[in-house]
N, C-alpha and C. Protein backbone atom coordinates (compact mmCIF):
# COMPACT_ATOMS: atom_id res chain seq x y z
N MET A 1 119.45 178.35 42.63
CA MET A 1 118.15 177.84 42.97
C MET A 1 118.07 176.40 42.48
N LYS A 2 117.70 175.50 43.35
CA LYS A 2 117.55 174.10 42.96
C LYS A 2 116.10 173.82 42.61
N LEU A 3 115.93 173.19 41.48
CA LEU A 3 114.58 172.86 41.02
C LEU A 3 114.63 171.46 40.42
N GLY A 4 114.05 170.51 41.08
CA GLY A 4 114.05 169.15 40.57
C GLY A 4 115.44 168.54 40.53
N GLY A 5 116.32 168.97 41.40
CA GLY A 5 117.67 168.42 41.44
C GLY A 5 118.62 169.07 40.46
N ASP A 6 118.11 169.86 39.53
CA ASP A 6 118.97 170.54 38.56
C ASP A 6 119.22 171.97 38.99
N LEU A 7 120.38 172.46 38.64
CA LEU A 7 120.71 173.85 38.95
C LEU A 7 120.16 174.73 37.83
N VAL A 8 119.29 175.65 38.17
CA VAL A 8 118.67 176.55 37.19
C VAL A 8 119.39 177.89 37.27
N LYS A 9 119.96 178.33 36.15
CA LYS A 9 120.65 179.61 36.11
C LYS A 9 119.65 180.69 35.71
N LYS A 10 119.61 181.76 36.49
CA LYS A 10 118.69 182.86 36.22
C LYS A 10 119.47 183.97 35.53
N ASN A 11 119.00 184.39 34.36
CA ASN A 11 119.67 185.47 33.63
C ASN A 11 119.39 186.81 34.31
N PHE A 12 120.43 187.63 34.39
CA PHE A 12 120.28 188.96 34.98
C PHE A 12 119.57 189.90 34.02
N PHE A 13 119.94 189.84 32.74
CA PHE A 13 119.32 190.68 31.71
C PHE A 13 118.54 189.79 30.75
N LEU A 14 117.36 190.23 30.39
CA LEU A 14 116.56 189.54 29.40
C LEU A 14 116.63 190.30 28.09
N LYS A 15 116.55 189.57 26.99
CA LYS A 15 116.51 190.23 25.68
C LYS A 15 115.08 190.66 25.42
N GLN A 16 114.90 191.96 25.30
CA GLN A 16 113.57 192.51 25.07
C GLN A 16 113.63 193.42 23.84
N PRO A 17 113.19 192.92 22.69
CA PRO A 17 113.30 193.70 21.45
C PRO A 17 112.59 195.05 21.50
N MET A 18 111.43 195.13 22.15
CA MET A 18 110.70 196.41 22.20
C MET A 18 111.47 197.44 23.01
N MET A 19 112.06 197.04 24.13
CA MET A 19 112.82 197.98 24.95
C MET A 19 114.09 198.41 24.23
N ARG A 20 114.67 197.52 23.44
CA ARG A 20 115.85 197.88 22.66
C ARG A 20 115.49 198.97 21.65
N ARG A 21 114.32 198.87 21.04
CA ARG A 21 113.87 199.91 20.10
C ARG A 21 113.67 201.24 20.81
N VAL A 22 113.16 201.20 22.04
CA VAL A 22 112.98 202.42 22.83
C VAL A 22 114.32 203.07 23.10
N LEU A 23 115.31 202.27 23.50
CA LEU A 23 116.64 202.81 23.77
C LEU A 23 117.27 203.39 22.51
N TYR A 24 117.08 202.73 21.37
CA TYR A 24 117.60 203.27 20.11
C TYR A 24 116.94 204.60 19.76
N SER A 25 115.67 204.73 20.07
CA SER A 25 114.97 205.97 19.75
C SER A 25 115.37 207.10 20.71
N LEU A 26 115.79 206.76 21.94
CA LEU A 26 116.20 207.79 22.90
C LEU A 26 117.65 208.24 22.71
N ALA A 27 118.45 207.47 21.99
CA ALA A 27 119.86 207.81 21.80
C ALA A 27 120.06 209.18 21.13
N PRO A 28 119.35 209.52 20.04
CA PRO A 28 119.55 210.85 19.44
C PRO A 28 119.15 211.99 20.38
N ILE A 29 118.13 211.78 21.19
CA ILE A 29 117.72 212.80 22.15
C ILE A 29 118.80 213.01 23.19
N TYR A 30 119.39 211.91 23.65
CA TYR A 30 120.47 212.00 24.64
C TYR A 30 121.68 212.72 24.04
N LEU A 31 122.02 212.43 22.80
CA LEU A 31 123.15 213.11 22.15
C LEU A 31 122.88 214.60 21.96
N PHE A 32 121.64 214.93 21.63
CA PHE A 32 121.26 216.33 21.49
C PHE A 32 121.38 217.06 22.83
N ALA A 33 120.94 216.41 23.91
CA ALA A 33 121.06 216.99 25.25
C ALA A 33 122.53 217.11 25.65
N LEU A 34 123.34 216.16 25.24
CA LEU A 34 124.78 216.21 25.53
C LEU A 34 125.41 217.42 24.83
N TYR A 35 124.96 217.71 23.64
CA TYR A 35 125.46 218.87 22.91
C TYR A 35 125.11 220.17 23.65
N PHE A 36 123.88 220.26 24.18
CA PHE A 36 123.45 221.48 24.85
C PHE A 36 123.96 221.62 26.29
N TYR A 37 123.94 220.52 27.04
CA TYR A 37 124.24 220.61 28.47
C TYR A 37 125.64 220.10 28.84
N GLY A 38 126.28 219.34 27.98
CA GLY A 38 127.65 218.91 28.18
C GLY A 38 127.90 218.09 29.43
N VAL A 39 128.87 218.53 30.22
CA VAL A 39 129.35 217.77 31.36
C VAL A 39 128.26 217.60 32.43
N ARG A 40 127.39 218.59 32.56
CA ARG A 40 126.31 218.47 33.56
C ARG A 40 125.43 217.26 33.27
N LEU A 41 125.14 217.01 31.99
CA LEU A 41 124.34 215.85 31.64
C LEU A 41 125.06 214.56 31.99
N LEU A 42 126.35 214.50 31.74
CA LEU A 42 127.11 213.30 32.06
C LEU A 42 127.12 213.04 33.56
N LEU A 43 127.34 214.07 34.35
CA LEU A 43 127.34 213.90 35.80
C LEU A 43 125.96 213.48 36.31
N LEU A 44 124.93 214.11 35.80
CA LEU A 44 123.58 213.76 36.21
C LEU A 44 123.24 212.32 35.81
N SER A 45 123.68 211.91 34.63
CA SER A 45 123.43 210.55 34.17
C SER A 45 124.12 209.53 35.07
N VAL A 46 125.33 209.82 35.48
CA VAL A 46 126.06 208.90 36.37
C VAL A 46 125.29 208.75 37.69
N VAL A 47 124.80 209.85 38.23
CA VAL A 47 124.07 209.81 39.49
C VAL A 47 122.76 209.05 39.33
N VAL A 48 122.00 209.36 38.28
CA VAL A 48 120.68 208.75 38.08
C VAL A 48 120.81 207.25 37.75
N PHE A 49 121.68 206.92 36.80
CA PHE A 49 121.82 205.51 36.42
C PHE A 49 122.47 204.71 37.53
N GLY A 50 123.38 205.31 38.26
CA GLY A 50 124.01 204.63 39.40
C GLY A 50 123.01 204.38 40.51
N GLY A 51 122.15 205.34 40.76
CA GLY A 51 121.13 205.17 41.80
C GLY A 51 120.05 204.18 41.40
N GLY A 52 119.78 204.08 40.13
CA GLY A 52 118.75 203.16 39.66
C GLY A 52 119.21 201.72 39.59
N TYR A 53 120.52 201.52 39.58
CA TYR A 53 121.04 200.17 39.50
C TYR A 53 120.90 199.51 40.83
């Protein structure tokens, strides 16, 4: 994107401290679900995260 003759680079990911805290808090829950559901959770995660990207 050109803006004022300069090339402006747009970052794909932004650093968001609050969302990072949310992800850190969800990690133990995900590990607990991995313990109970195993491979099914991994397959479902690949489908859901792949579709959301």
